[in-house]
N, C-alpha and C. Protein backbone atom coordinates (compact mmCIF):
# COMPACT_ATOMS: atom_id res chain seq x y z
N MET A 1 8.41 14.81 -19.28
CA MET A 1 8.02 14.70 -17.89
C MET A 1 9.19 15.13 -17.01
N ALA A 2 8.92 16.00 -16.05
CA ALA A 2 9.97 16.64 -15.26
C ALA A 2 10.89 15.66 -14.56
N GLY A 3 10.34 14.61 -13.99
CA GLY A 3 11.15 13.68 -13.22
C GLY A 3 11.42 12.37 -13.93
N ALA A 4 11.50 12.39 -15.26
CA ALA A 4 11.64 11.15 -16.03
C ALA A 4 12.86 10.34 -15.65
N ASN A 5 13.90 10.99 -15.17
CA ASN A 5 15.12 10.26 -14.79
C ASN A 5 15.02 9.61 -13.41
N ARG A 6 14.02 9.98 -12.63
CA ARG A 6 13.95 9.44 -11.26
C ARG A 6 13.86 7.91 -11.24
N LEU A 7 13.00 7.34 -12.07
CA LEU A 7 12.85 5.89 -12.09
C LEU A 7 14.14 5.24 -12.58
N ARG A 8 14.73 5.77 -13.63
CA ARG A 8 15.98 5.22 -14.14
C ARG A 8 17.07 5.26 -13.07
N ASP A 9 17.20 6.38 -12.37
CA ASP A 9 18.20 6.50 -11.32
C ASP A 9 17.93 5.51 -10.19
N PHE A 10 16.65 5.32 -9.87
CA PHE A 10 16.29 4.34 -8.83
C PHE A 10 16.66 2.93 -9.26
N VAL A 11 16.37 2.57 -10.50
CA VAL A 11 16.70 1.23 -11.01
C VAL A 11 18.20 0.98 -10.93
N VAL A 12 19.00 1.96 -11.33
CA VAL A 12 20.45 1.81 -11.28
C VAL A 12 20.92 1.61 -9.83
N ALA A 13 20.45 2.45 -8.92
CA ALA A 13 20.86 2.34 -7.52
C ALA A 13 20.40 1.02 -6.89
N ALA A 14 19.16 0.62 -7.18
CA ALA A 14 18.64 -0.63 -6.63
C ALA A 14 19.41 -1.83 -7.17
N THR A 15 19.75 -1.80 -8.44
CA THR A 15 20.52 -2.90 -9.04
C THR A 15 21.89 -3.00 -8.40
N ARG A 16 22.51 -1.87 -8.12
CA ARG A 16 23.83 -1.89 -7.45
C ARG A 16 23.73 -2.51 -6.06
N ILE A 17 22.64 -2.24 -5.36
CA ILE A 17 22.44 -2.84 -4.04
C ILE A 17 22.26 -4.35 -4.17
N VAL A 18 21.42 -4.78 -5.09
CA VAL A 18 21.19 -6.22 -5.29
C VAL A 18 22.49 -6.91 -5.71
N ASP A 19 23.31 -6.24 -6.52
CA ASP A 19 24.60 -6.80 -6.94
C ASP A 19 25.53 -7.10 -5.76
N GLN A 20 25.33 -6.42 -4.64
CA GLN A 20 26.19 -6.64 -3.47
C GLN A 20 25.90 -7.97 -2.76
N ARG A 21 24.78 -8.60 -3.10
CA ARG A 21 24.39 -9.88 -2.50
C ARG A 21 24.38 -9.83 -0.97
N LEU A 22 23.76 -8.78 -0.46
CA LEU A 22 23.60 -8.61 0.98
C LEU A 22 22.53 -9.58 1.47
N ASP A 23 22.46 -9.79 2.78
CA ASP A 23 21.35 -10.59 3.28
C ASP A 23 20.06 -9.78 3.14
N GLU A 24 18.94 -10.45 3.33
CA GLU A 24 17.65 -9.81 3.10
C GLU A 24 17.45 -8.55 3.92
N ALA A 25 17.75 -8.60 5.21
CA ALA A 25 17.54 -7.44 6.08
C ALA A 25 18.38 -6.25 5.61
N ALA A 26 19.62 -6.50 5.25
CA ALA A 26 20.50 -5.42 4.78
C ALA A 26 20.04 -4.87 3.44
N THR A 27 19.54 -5.74 2.57
CA THR A 27 19.01 -5.29 1.27
C THR A 27 17.81 -4.38 1.47
N LEU A 28 16.86 -4.80 2.30
CA LEU A 28 15.68 -3.98 2.57
C LEU A 28 16.07 -2.65 3.22
N HIS A 29 17.01 -2.70 4.14
CA HIS A 29 17.47 -1.49 4.82
C HIS A 29 18.11 -0.51 3.84
N ALA A 30 18.87 -1.03 2.89
CA ALA A 30 19.54 -0.16 1.91
C ALA A 30 18.56 0.40 0.87
N LEU A 31 17.55 -0.39 0.50
CA LEU A 31 16.59 0.04 -0.52
C LEU A 31 15.52 0.98 0.02
N GLU A 32 15.18 0.85 1.29
CA GLU A 32 14.05 1.62 1.84
C GLU A 32 14.19 3.13 1.65
N PRO A 33 15.33 3.76 1.97
CA PRO A 33 15.39 5.22 1.77
C PRO A 33 15.36 5.62 0.29
N LEU A 34 15.85 4.74 -0.58
CA LEU A 34 15.79 5.04 -2.02
C LEU A 34 14.35 5.05 -2.51
N LEU A 35 13.55 4.05 -2.07
CA LEU A 35 12.15 4.01 -2.46
C LEU A 35 11.39 5.17 -1.83
N ALA A 36 11.72 5.51 -0.58
CA ALA A 36 11.06 6.66 0.07
C ALA A 36 11.31 7.94 -0.72
N ASP A 37 12.53 8.10 -1.22
CA ASP A 37 12.83 9.28 -2.02
C ASP A 37 12.07 9.26 -3.35
N LEU A 38 11.98 8.08 -3.97
CA LEU A 38 11.26 7.97 -5.24
C LEU A 38 9.79 8.35 -5.08
N VAL A 39 9.13 7.82 -4.05
CA VAL A 39 7.69 8.09 -3.89
C VAL A 39 7.41 9.46 -3.27
N ALA A 40 8.46 10.15 -2.83
CA ALA A 40 8.29 11.51 -2.31
C ALA A 40 8.06 12.50 -3.45
N HIS A 41 8.34 12.07 -4.69
CA HIS A 41 8.20 12.93 -5.87
C HIS A 41 7.18 12.31 -6.81
N ASP A 42 6.13 13.04 -7.11
CA ASP A 42 5.08 12.51 -7.98
C ASP A 42 5.13 13.20 -9.34
N ASP A 43 6.29 13.12 -9.99
CA ASP A 43 6.44 13.76 -11.29
C ASP A 43 7.10 12.86 -12.32
N TRP A 44 7.10 11.55 -12.07
CA TRP A 44 7.89 10.66 -12.93
C TRP A 44 7.12 9.48 -13.51
N LEU A 45 6.01 9.08 -12.93
CA LEU A 45 5.29 7.89 -13.38
C LEU A 45 4.48 8.22 -14.63
N PRO A 46 4.79 7.55 -15.77
CA PRO A 46 4.02 7.82 -16.99
C PRO A 46 2.53 7.49 -16.81
N ASP A 47 1.68 8.25 -17.47
CA ASP A 47 0.23 8.07 -17.34
C ASP A 47 -0.21 6.64 -17.68
N ASP A 48 0.46 6.01 -18.65
CA ASP A 48 0.08 4.65 -19.04
C ASP A 48 0.25 3.65 -17.91
N TYR A 49 1.07 3.97 -16.90
CA TYR A 49 1.35 3.06 -15.79
C TYR A 49 0.69 3.54 -14.50
N ALA A 50 -0.24 4.51 -14.67
CA ALA A 50 -1.00 5.05 -13.55
C ALA A 50 -2.50 4.98 -13.81
N ALA A 51 -2.88 4.29 -14.88
CA ALA A 51 -4.28 4.24 -15.30
C ALA A 51 -5.06 3.19 -14.51
N PRO A 52 -6.14 3.58 -13.84
CA PRO A 52 -6.97 2.60 -13.13
C PRO A 52 -7.89 1.87 -14.10
N ASP A 53 -8.44 0.78 -13.63
CA ASP A 53 -9.46 0.03 -14.34
C ASP A 53 -10.73 0.13 -13.50
N ALA A 54 -11.87 0.17 -14.15
CA ALA A 54 -13.13 0.32 -13.42
C ALA A 54 -13.45 -0.88 -12.53
N GLN A 55 -12.92 -2.06 -12.89
CA GLN A 55 -13.30 -3.27 -12.16
C GLN A 55 -12.18 -3.85 -11.30
N PHE A 56 -10.93 -3.84 -11.79
CA PHE A 56 -9.84 -4.55 -11.11
C PHE A 56 -8.67 -3.61 -10.84
N TYR A 57 -7.93 -3.88 -9.75
CA TYR A 57 -6.67 -3.15 -9.55
C TYR A 57 -5.70 -3.58 -10.64
N ARG A 58 -4.71 -2.75 -10.90
CA ARG A 58 -3.73 -3.00 -11.97
C ARG A 58 -2.33 -3.12 -11.38
N GLN A 59 -1.54 -4.03 -11.96
CA GLN A 59 -0.13 -4.17 -11.61
C GLN A 59 0.67 -3.98 -12.91
N TYR A 60 1.32 -2.83 -13.01
CA TYR A 60 2.09 -2.50 -14.21
C TYR A 60 3.58 -2.72 -13.96
N LEU A 61 4.21 -3.48 -14.82
CA LEU A 61 5.65 -3.67 -14.73
C LEU A 61 6.36 -2.42 -15.22
N LEU A 62 7.24 -1.88 -14.38
CA LEU A 62 8.05 -0.73 -14.75
C LEU A 62 9.46 -1.16 -15.14
N HIS A 63 9.98 -2.18 -14.46
CA HIS A 63 11.32 -2.69 -14.78
C HIS A 63 11.47 -4.09 -14.19
N ALA A 64 12.09 -4.98 -14.95
CA ALA A 64 12.49 -6.29 -14.44
C ALA A 64 13.96 -6.50 -14.78
N ASP A 65 14.74 -6.80 -13.78
CA ASP A 65 16.15 -7.12 -13.97
C ASP A 65 16.24 -8.32 -14.90
N PRO A 66 17.19 -8.34 -15.86
CA PRO A 66 17.26 -9.46 -16.79
C PRO A 66 17.57 -10.80 -16.11
N LEU A 67 18.15 -10.75 -14.91
CA LEU A 67 18.41 -11.99 -14.18
C LEU A 67 17.29 -12.31 -13.18
N GLU A 68 16.23 -11.53 -13.22
CA GLU A 68 15.04 -11.70 -12.37
C GLU A 68 15.36 -11.64 -10.88
N ARG A 69 16.34 -10.82 -10.52
CA ARG A 69 16.67 -10.60 -9.11
C ARG A 69 15.86 -9.47 -8.52
N LEU A 70 15.19 -8.71 -9.38
CA LEU A 70 14.56 -7.47 -8.96
C LEU A 70 13.46 -7.12 -9.96
N SER A 71 12.32 -6.67 -9.47
CA SER A 71 11.30 -6.09 -10.34
C SER A 71 10.67 -4.90 -9.63
N ILE A 72 10.19 -3.96 -10.43
CA ILE A 72 9.58 -2.74 -9.92
C ILE A 72 8.25 -2.58 -10.64
N VAL A 73 7.18 -2.41 -9.87
CA VAL A 73 5.84 -2.31 -10.44
C VAL A 73 5.09 -1.15 -9.81
N SER A 74 4.12 -0.64 -10.56
CA SER A 74 3.16 0.30 -9.98
C SER A 74 1.84 -0.45 -9.81
N PHE A 75 1.27 -0.32 -8.62
CA PHE A 75 -0.07 -0.86 -8.35
C PHE A 75 -1.03 0.30 -8.36
N VAL A 76 -2.09 0.18 -9.15
CA VAL A 76 -3.08 1.24 -9.27
C VAL A 76 -4.42 0.69 -8.78
N TRP A 77 -4.97 1.37 -7.79
CA TRP A 77 -6.20 0.94 -7.14
C TRP A 77 -7.30 1.94 -7.43
N GLY A 78 -8.39 1.51 -8.03
CA GLY A 78 -9.57 2.34 -8.15
C GLY A 78 -10.31 2.35 -6.83
N PRO A 79 -11.29 3.24 -6.67
CA PRO A 79 -12.07 3.28 -5.43
C PRO A 79 -12.69 1.91 -5.13
N GLY A 80 -12.55 1.47 -3.88
CA GLY A 80 -13.16 0.21 -3.44
C GLY A 80 -12.41 -1.04 -3.83
N GLN A 81 -11.32 -0.93 -4.56
CA GLN A 81 -10.60 -2.13 -5.01
C GLN A 81 -9.62 -2.63 -3.95
N LYS A 82 -9.47 -3.95 -3.91
CA LYS A 82 -8.54 -4.56 -2.97
C LYS A 82 -8.06 -5.89 -3.50
N THR A 83 -6.98 -6.37 -2.90
CA THR A 83 -6.46 -7.69 -3.24
C THR A 83 -7.17 -8.73 -2.41
N PRO A 84 -7.10 -10.00 -2.83
CA PRO A 84 -7.43 -11.06 -1.88
C PRO A 84 -6.28 -11.17 -0.87
N VAL A 85 -6.47 -11.93 0.17
CA VAL A 85 -5.36 -12.23 1.08
C VAL A 85 -4.36 -13.04 0.27
N HIS A 86 -3.09 -12.63 0.27
CA HIS A 86 -2.10 -13.25 -0.60
C HIS A 86 -0.71 -13.18 0.01
N ASP A 87 0.22 -13.92 -0.58
CA ASP A 87 1.62 -13.85 -0.17
C ASP A 87 2.48 -13.38 -1.33
N HIS A 88 3.80 -13.31 -1.10
CA HIS A 88 4.74 -12.84 -2.12
C HIS A 88 5.84 -13.85 -2.40
N ARG A 89 6.33 -14.51 -1.35
CA ARG A 89 7.36 -15.55 -1.43
C ARG A 89 8.74 -15.02 -1.79
N VAL A 90 8.86 -13.72 -1.89
CA VAL A 90 10.15 -13.03 -2.05
C VAL A 90 10.08 -11.76 -1.20
N TRP A 91 11.23 -11.16 -0.91
CA TRP A 91 11.21 -9.88 -0.18
C TRP A 91 10.61 -8.80 -1.06
N GLY A 92 10.07 -7.78 -0.40
CA GLY A 92 9.51 -6.67 -1.14
C GLY A 92 9.39 -5.42 -0.30
N LEU A 93 9.32 -4.28 -0.98
CA LEU A 93 9.04 -2.99 -0.35
C LEU A 93 7.87 -2.36 -1.09
N VAL A 94 7.00 -1.70 -0.35
CA VAL A 94 5.85 -1.02 -0.91
C VAL A 94 5.93 0.44 -0.48
N GLY A 95 5.91 1.35 -1.46
CA GLY A 95 5.92 2.78 -1.16
C GLY A 95 4.70 3.43 -1.78
N VAL A 96 3.95 4.19 -1.00
CA VAL A 96 2.73 4.82 -1.49
C VAL A 96 3.09 6.13 -2.21
N LEU A 97 2.77 6.19 -3.50
CA LEU A 97 3.06 7.36 -4.32
C LEU A 97 1.91 8.37 -4.30
N ARG A 98 0.67 7.89 -4.43
CA ARG A 98 -0.52 8.76 -4.44
C ARG A 98 -1.61 8.13 -3.59
N GLY A 99 -2.35 8.97 -2.91
CA GLY A 99 -3.49 8.47 -2.16
C GLY A 99 -3.08 7.78 -0.88
N ALA A 100 -3.79 6.70 -0.54
CA ALA A 100 -3.53 5.95 0.69
C ALA A 100 -4.04 4.52 0.52
N GLU A 101 -3.44 3.63 1.26
CA GLU A 101 -3.84 2.21 1.23
C GLU A 101 -4.12 1.72 2.63
N GLN A 102 -4.97 0.72 2.71
CA GLN A 102 -5.28 0.05 3.98
C GLN A 102 -4.69 -1.34 3.90
N SER A 103 -3.88 -1.69 4.89
CA SER A 103 -3.17 -2.97 4.90
C SER A 103 -3.55 -3.79 6.13
N ILE A 104 -3.82 -5.05 5.91
CA ILE A 104 -4.04 -5.99 7.02
C ILE A 104 -3.08 -7.15 6.84
N SER A 105 -2.19 -7.35 7.80
CA SER A 105 -1.25 -8.48 7.77
C SER A 105 -1.89 -9.67 8.47
N TYR A 106 -1.50 -10.86 8.04
CA TYR A 106 -2.03 -12.09 8.62
C TYR A 106 -0.88 -12.98 9.09
N ARG A 107 -1.13 -13.72 10.17
CA ARG A 107 -0.19 -14.72 10.68
C ARG A 107 -0.86 -16.08 10.59
N ARG A 108 -0.07 -17.08 10.25
CA ARG A 108 -0.58 -18.44 10.15
C ARG A 108 -0.48 -19.12 11.51
N ALA A 109 -1.59 -19.62 12.00
CA ALA A 109 -1.62 -20.36 13.27
C ALA A 109 -1.17 -21.80 13.02
N GLU A 110 -0.92 -22.54 14.08
CA GLU A 110 -0.46 -23.93 13.96
C GLU A 110 -1.46 -24.81 13.23
N ASP A 111 -2.76 -24.48 13.34
CA ASP A 111 -3.78 -25.29 12.66
C ASP A 111 -3.96 -24.87 11.19
N GLY A 112 -3.16 -23.91 10.73
CA GLY A 112 -3.22 -23.47 9.34
C GLY A 112 -4.11 -22.27 9.08
N ARG A 113 -4.95 -21.94 10.06
CA ARG A 113 -5.83 -20.79 9.88
C ARG A 113 -5.01 -19.50 9.95
N LEU A 114 -5.59 -18.46 9.37
CA LEU A 114 -4.91 -17.16 9.37
C LEU A 114 -5.55 -16.24 10.39
N THR A 115 -4.71 -15.57 11.15
CA THR A 115 -5.17 -14.61 12.15
C THR A 115 -4.83 -13.21 11.67
N PRO A 116 -5.83 -12.34 11.50
CA PRO A 116 -5.53 -10.98 11.04
C PRO A 116 -4.90 -10.14 12.13
N GLY A 117 -3.98 -9.28 11.74
CA GLY A 117 -3.43 -8.28 12.64
C GLY A 117 -4.27 -7.02 12.55
N ALA A 118 -3.75 -5.96 13.12
CA ALA A 118 -4.46 -4.69 13.07
C ALA A 118 -4.43 -4.13 11.65
N SER A 119 -5.47 -3.41 11.32
CA SER A 119 -5.53 -2.72 10.03
C SER A 119 -4.66 -1.47 10.14
N GLU A 120 -3.85 -1.23 9.12
CA GLU A 120 -2.92 -0.09 9.14
C GLU A 120 -3.13 0.75 7.89
N ARG A 121 -3.28 2.05 8.06
CA ARG A 121 -3.43 2.96 6.93
C ARG A 121 -2.05 3.46 6.52
N LEU A 122 -1.76 3.29 5.23
CA LEU A 122 -0.47 3.71 4.68
C LEU A 122 -0.70 4.96 3.85
N GLU A 123 -0.19 6.09 4.31
CA GLU A 123 -0.37 7.37 3.64
C GLU A 123 0.72 7.58 2.59
N GLN A 124 0.53 8.59 1.75
CA GLN A 124 1.50 8.93 0.71
C GLN A 124 2.88 9.12 1.35
N GLY A 125 3.89 8.51 0.73
CA GLY A 125 5.25 8.62 1.21
C GLY A 125 5.69 7.49 2.12
N ARG A 126 4.76 6.72 2.64
CA ARG A 126 5.08 5.63 3.56
C ARG A 126 5.67 4.44 2.81
N VAL A 127 6.68 3.79 3.39
CA VAL A 127 7.30 2.60 2.82
C VAL A 127 7.25 1.49 3.87
N VAL A 128 6.79 0.31 3.46
CA VAL A 128 6.75 -0.85 4.35
C VAL A 128 7.36 -2.05 3.63
N ALA A 129 7.84 -3.01 4.42
CA ALA A 129 8.48 -4.20 3.87
C ALA A 129 7.61 -5.43 4.08
N VAL A 130 7.76 -6.40 3.17
CA VAL A 130 7.16 -7.73 3.30
C VAL A 130 8.21 -8.75 2.90
N SER A 131 8.12 -9.92 3.50
CA SER A 131 8.96 -11.05 3.08
C SER A 131 8.52 -12.27 3.87
N PRO A 132 8.89 -13.45 3.39
CA PRO A 132 8.54 -14.66 4.14
C PRO A 132 9.15 -14.68 5.55
N THR A 133 10.25 -13.97 5.77
CA THR A 133 10.88 -14.01 7.09
C THR A 133 10.29 -13.00 8.07
N ILE A 134 9.72 -11.90 7.58
CA ILE A 134 9.19 -10.88 8.50
C ILE A 134 7.67 -10.77 8.47
N GLY A 135 7.04 -11.44 7.56
CA GLY A 135 5.59 -11.37 7.42
C GLY A 135 5.25 -11.16 5.96
N ASP A 136 4.60 -12.14 5.37
CA ASP A 136 4.46 -12.17 3.93
C ASP A 136 3.02 -12.24 3.46
N ILE A 137 2.10 -12.44 4.37
CA ILE A 137 0.71 -12.62 3.97
C ILE A 137 -0.08 -11.38 4.38
N HIS A 138 -0.74 -10.77 3.39
CA HIS A 138 -1.53 -9.58 3.71
C HIS A 138 -2.63 -9.36 2.68
N GLU A 139 -3.44 -8.35 2.98
CA GLU A 139 -4.50 -7.89 2.10
C GLU A 139 -4.35 -6.37 2.02
N ILE A 140 -4.42 -5.82 0.81
CA ILE A 140 -4.26 -4.38 0.61
C ILE A 140 -5.50 -3.85 -0.11
N ALA A 141 -5.94 -2.67 0.30
CA ALA A 141 -7.10 -2.02 -0.33
C ALA A 141 -6.83 -0.54 -0.51
N ASN A 142 -7.48 0.05 -1.48
CA ASN A 142 -7.47 1.50 -1.62
C ASN A 142 -8.21 2.06 -0.41
N ALA A 143 -7.57 2.96 0.31
CA ALA A 143 -8.19 3.55 1.50
C ALA A 143 -9.12 4.73 1.16
N LEU A 144 -9.10 5.14 -0.11
CA LEU A 144 -9.90 6.30 -0.50
C LEU A 144 -11.15 5.86 -1.26
N PRO A 145 -12.32 6.34 -0.87
CA PRO A 145 -13.57 5.90 -1.51
C PRO A 145 -13.88 6.59 -2.83
N ASP A 146 -13.17 7.68 -3.14
CA ASP A 146 -13.58 8.51 -4.27
C ASP A 146 -12.50 8.74 -5.33
N ARG A 147 -11.32 8.14 -5.17
CA ARG A 147 -10.27 8.33 -6.18
C ARG A 147 -9.25 7.21 -6.09
N SER A 148 -8.40 7.17 -7.09
CA SER A 148 -7.39 6.12 -7.18
C SER A 148 -6.25 6.36 -6.19
N SER A 149 -5.59 5.28 -5.85
CA SER A 149 -4.34 5.33 -5.09
C SER A 149 -3.31 4.53 -5.87
N ILE A 150 -2.03 4.91 -5.74
CA ILE A 150 -0.96 4.23 -6.47
C ILE A 150 0.20 3.98 -5.52
N SER A 151 0.71 2.74 -5.56
CA SER A 151 1.92 2.42 -4.80
C SER A 151 2.95 1.82 -5.74
N ILE A 152 4.21 2.01 -5.37
CA ILE A 152 5.34 1.48 -6.12
C ILE A 152 5.93 0.35 -5.29
N HIS A 153 6.08 -0.82 -5.93
CA HIS A 153 6.56 -2.02 -5.24
C HIS A 153 7.89 -2.45 -5.86
N VAL A 154 8.80 -2.86 -5.01
CA VAL A 154 10.09 -3.40 -5.43
C VAL A 154 10.19 -4.80 -4.84
N TYR A 155 10.47 -5.78 -5.68
CA TYR A 155 10.51 -7.18 -5.22
C TYR A 155 11.83 -7.83 -5.56
N GLY A 156 12.20 -8.82 -4.77
CA GLY A 156 13.42 -9.60 -4.99
C GLY A 156 13.19 -10.76 -5.94
N GLY A 157 12.60 -10.49 -7.07
CA GLY A 157 12.31 -11.47 -8.11
C GLY A 157 11.40 -10.84 -9.13
N ASN A 158 11.10 -11.55 -10.19
CA ASN A 158 10.16 -11.08 -11.21
C ASN A 158 8.76 -11.42 -10.70
N ILE A 159 8.17 -10.51 -9.93
CA ILE A 159 6.97 -10.82 -9.16
C ILE A 159 5.81 -11.30 -10.03
N GLY A 160 5.73 -10.83 -11.25
CA GLY A 160 4.65 -11.27 -12.13
C GLY A 160 4.73 -12.72 -12.54
N ALA A 161 5.92 -13.34 -12.35
CA ALA A 161 6.14 -14.74 -12.72
C ALA A 161 6.33 -15.65 -11.52
N VAL A 162 6.31 -15.10 -10.31
CA VAL A 162 6.52 -15.90 -9.10
C VAL A 162 5.25 -16.70 -8.78
N ARG A 163 5.41 -17.97 -8.50
CA ARG A 163 4.28 -18.81 -8.08
C ARG A 163 3.97 -18.48 -6.63
N ARG A 164 2.76 -17.92 -6.43
CA ARG A 164 2.35 -17.47 -5.10
C ARG A 164 1.02 -18.09 -4.75
N ALA A 165 0.38 -17.57 -3.69
CA ALA A 165 -0.92 -18.10 -3.28
C ALA A 165 -1.81 -17.01 -2.74
N THR A 166 -3.11 -17.19 -2.96
CA THR A 166 -4.12 -16.44 -2.23
C THR A 166 -4.63 -17.39 -1.14
N TYR A 167 -5.30 -16.83 -0.14
CA TYR A 167 -5.70 -17.62 1.03
C TYR A 167 -7.14 -17.34 1.40
N ASP A 168 -7.81 -18.38 1.86
CA ASP A 168 -9.09 -18.23 2.54
C ASP A 168 -8.73 -17.96 4.00
N PRO A 169 -8.98 -16.75 4.52
CA PRO A 169 -8.54 -16.43 5.87
C PRO A 169 -9.16 -17.33 6.95
N ALA A 170 -10.37 -17.83 6.73
CA ALA A 170 -11.04 -18.65 7.75
C ALA A 170 -10.42 -20.03 7.87
N THR A 171 -10.02 -20.60 6.73
CA THR A 171 -9.50 -21.97 6.75
C THR A 171 -7.99 -22.05 6.52
N GLY A 172 -7.41 -20.99 5.95
CA GLY A 172 -6.00 -21.02 5.59
C GLY A 172 -5.73 -21.73 4.28
N LEU A 173 -6.79 -22.18 3.61
CA LEU A 173 -6.64 -22.91 2.36
C LEU A 173 -5.96 -22.03 1.31
N GLU A 174 -4.92 -22.58 0.69
CA GLU A 174 -4.15 -21.86 -0.33
C GLU A 174 -4.69 -22.16 -1.73
N LYS A 175 -4.67 -21.13 -2.56
CA LYS A 175 -5.01 -21.29 -3.97
C LYS A 175 -3.84 -20.70 -4.77
N PRO A 176 -3.11 -21.53 -5.53
CA PRO A 176 -1.94 -21.02 -6.26
C PRO A 176 -2.34 -20.02 -7.35
N PHE A 177 -1.46 -19.04 -7.57
CA PHE A 177 -1.66 -18.10 -8.68
C PHE A 177 -0.33 -17.51 -9.11
N ILE A 178 -0.31 -17.00 -10.33
CA ILE A 178 0.79 -16.21 -10.87
C ILE A 178 0.15 -14.92 -11.35
N SER A 179 0.60 -13.80 -10.85
CA SER A 179 -0.13 -12.54 -11.08
C SER A 179 0.00 -12.00 -12.49
N GLY A 180 1.16 -12.15 -13.12
CA GLY A 180 1.36 -11.50 -14.41
C GLY A 180 1.35 -9.99 -14.26
N TYR A 181 1.20 -9.29 -15.39
CA TYR A 181 1.20 -7.83 -15.39
C TYR A 181 0.04 -7.31 -16.24
N SER A 182 -0.37 -6.10 -15.96
CA SER A 182 -1.47 -5.48 -16.69
C SER A 182 -1.03 -4.87 -18.01
N ASN A 183 0.22 -4.44 -18.10
CA ASN A 183 0.68 -3.79 -19.33
C ASN A 183 1.25 -4.80 -20.32
N ARG A 184 1.17 -4.45 -21.60
CA ARG A 184 1.73 -5.30 -22.65
C ARG A 184 3.14 -4.88 -23.01
N ALA A 185 3.50 -3.64 -22.73
CA ALA A 185 4.84 -3.13 -22.99
C ALA A 185 5.34 -2.44 -21.73
N THR A 186 6.65 -2.33 -21.60
CA THR A 186 7.23 -1.63 -20.45
C THR A 186 7.97 -0.40 -20.94
N PRO A 187 8.11 0.60 -20.07
CA PRO A 187 8.80 1.81 -20.51
C PRO A 187 10.26 1.52 -20.81
N ASN A 188 10.77 2.16 -21.84
CA ASN A 188 12.19 2.02 -22.19
C ASN A 188 12.95 3.09 -21.42
N LEU A 189 13.51 2.70 -20.28
CA LEU A 189 14.20 3.65 -19.41
C LEU A 189 15.52 4.12 -19.99
N TRP A 190 16.01 3.40 -20.97
CA TRP A 190 17.38 3.66 -21.44
C TRP A 190 17.42 4.40 -22.77
N ASP A 191 16.28 4.76 -23.35
CA ASP A 191 16.26 5.52 -24.60
C ASP A 191 16.46 7.00 -24.26
N ARG A 192 17.68 7.45 -24.44
CA ARG A 192 18.00 8.85 -24.14
C ARG A 192 18.00 9.71 -25.41
N SER A 193 17.55 9.15 -26.52
CA SER A 193 17.61 9.87 -27.79
C SER A 193 16.81 11.16 -27.76
N LYS A 194 15.69 11.18 -27.04
CA LYS A 194 14.85 12.38 -26.97
C LYS A 194 15.45 13.44 -26.05
N GLU A 195 16.39 13.02 -25.20
CA GLU A 195 17.05 13.98 -24.29
C GLU A 195 18.18 14.71 -24.99
N ALA A 196 18.69 14.14 -26.09
CA ALA A 196 19.86 14.72 -26.77
C ALA A 196 19.48 15.97 -27.55
């Protein structure tokens, strides 16, 4: 694959940023252009981590830092697929690699109910941030009715193991969940034997 080193180079650069122990805003600011560059090139994501499912969206783990300070996943959306309203509980960046996504952010009112914001279409190449401090509750859907969309997410934790919640937007009622991952194996970014 022509851009096979792109993900490995991104992981190295992102890990160096996380190693600096910057505050959240500075971390997101430093990572955003790196993720924008990664999703600007669609020649690196292995087919096994871009495969849609006919019924459910997929979250494939691409890399998890051994200290769980960072994880990188591909989200694959089939036509008509969307998440429930949910949170993350850690900082994150979302970059659209293929297709487009529709995002609706929610704010919690004093009575616990959720108020939706404007719907925003995220086109290929767009990068947006989420976190408990800047806005953490949203719903994402594939914006395309006839084909898959794929986004690359970077989180400040092992997102598949983070205890999070989905929400009933009318009542604000939380339902705990742990997302896990769709893949059983992750790509070995460090096997350079085939390059030699």
